[in-house]
Amino acid sequence: MSYLSWIILALALIAVVVILIGWWYERATNEVSLVKTGLGGRHVVLDGGTIAIPFFNTVSRVNMQTLRIPVVRSGAQSLITLDKLRIDVGAEFYISVVPERDAIARAVQTLGDRTFNPDQLGSLIEGMLVDALRTIAAQMDMDELHRHRGKFVAEIASTLSTPLARYGLQVDSVSLISFDQTPFSALDENNAFNAEGMRKLAELVASSKKERAQIESETAVAVRAAEMESYRRKLEIELEERRSEITQTQEIETLLARQLVEVAQRKSEAEESAAHARIAMEQSIEEAGLRRQQAVREQQIKQAYGIEIAEQDHKIALSEKQIEGTKADAETKRAQSHMIEVEEALETQRRLSEADRKKKLSLTAIEQQGESDSLRVKYNSETEKQAAQTQSLIKREAAETLRVTMQAEADGMAATIAAENARSQELHDLELERRRLKAMPEILREMVKPAEKIDSIRVNHISGLTPQNSSGGGSNGEGDASSPMASVLRSVMDMAVGFPTLRKLGDEISETFDRGSGSGSGSSKRKNKDAG
């Protein structure tokens, strides 16, 4: 054979070998591990691959994925806890082959192809799983199991680690998917465990009902108390709102009343000022008219006096001429007598003129003082009628002035009363109290004025002199029990109250006497004047 033939043959052999190797090569994956037995012994392949020659080697596959195996125990098969109560439990166990060569070899040896079938694997190891559940449940009561589920699951996984390791398995995790107390209907009363558990359960249910009833009653009471507190708070808020509204209304009424009072006061003051101005103007006009009438009257009186004096002078001259023409003695005596009469008449006229001058001076002084009764002068018999008319006119003007003044005061008083009536009762009481307090110092000052004139006080306290009535006292039941100083003070206060009345009465009596005596003297003077 040539060298080329040998090369072709070698390449053909190599190709055949490569094809055979590719045909007999078994590869492991992440999900599946390989266990080769036969020629060359047992060989576990976790990753990579191996050549398995037919008839000389056998390759077994192991599932490395996690398998879910559910376990449910309820009713008669439920778990019994430490406190002899039964619980229905549903759990899911997640099992996988330990990723180690020895564990994979044991899994292939003990489980075979069950690693690819969760149902077959679960039926195989279910007893171990249930035993672990019962073992851990028997060590804890129901309440503890409920409160410490994580501990319960961890202890189950720890308990299963040893028996599952014999099969090359491990517990990845345990999930407790259901946990509840087994109902009474599923329990057998003849079972000792059930009897004790049912007794405890009945006690627990009764106690729970009692506590629940108590809690419900307390809750109802708390709810009622909360509702009552809320309602009370609501009423307080409404009360505060009403108080605020009333306070605001009172303030508004107070402001309105103050404004009305101010308006009424200003109106009254304006009307009073206008009335005073009108009265002053009318009085000035009347006084000017009276002064003008008085001046005219005085001029008339002076003219009358001048005419009378001229007539008397003329008569005197005629008498003198007649005396000169008559006999010396008779005419002389007659002239002397006439001269005496003339002198007396002149003296009388002079005195009348002097009196009239004094009266004019008095009238002028009275007019300067502005007294309305200064116009009442006593003229002689010829001026009495004019004086009476003048006095009547003055009285009418004074009455008209008084009427206008009283009308203005009445208008002001009516406006004030209307403003006061518009005010509320509280403001009226407040104004009354303010006026009473304002007037109280003046009242007390007037009451103690008589005490200022008391030089000394002598107190002679003699008990038993006054008659006592059947009630055991004088006119006052507390009179005997009071001290002498209190009696003195009470007497001073009584005198202070009664003294103004007595003084007014004395003034009225004295004025009446003075007027009577004055009228008598005036009448006698007029009679003496007429006689003269």
Foldseek 3Di string as FASTA:
>chain_A
DDPVVVVVVVVVVVVVVVVLQVVQKAFADCFKKKWKAFVPGTDTGNGGIDGADPPGIDIAIAGQAKDKAKDWAAQPRFAAAQQLFGKTWIKIWTKGFDSDRVLRVLLCVPPNCCNVPRVVVCVVCVVVLSVLLNVLRHHHDQVVCVVPVVVSFVSSQVSVQVVVVSNRMHTPGMGTPDIGTHDPVRDDCVDPSRVSNVVVVVVVVVVVVVVVVVVVVVVVVVVVVVVVVVVVVVVVVVVVVVVVVVVVVQVVLVVVLVVLLVVLVVVLVVLLVVLVVVLVVVVVVLLVVVVVVVVVVVVVVVVVLVVVVVVLVVVLVVLVVVLVVDDVPVSVVVNVVVVVVSVVVVVVSVVLVVVVVVLVVQLVVVVVVPDLCSLQDDDPPVCPVVSVVSNVVSVVSVVVSVVSNVVSVVSSVVSNVVSLVSHDPVVNVVVVVVVCVVCVVVLVVLLCVVVVPDPDDDFDDDPDPADDDPVCDHPDNCPVVDDSVVVVVVVSSVCSVCVVVVVVVVVVVVVVVVVVVVVVVVVVVVVVVVVD
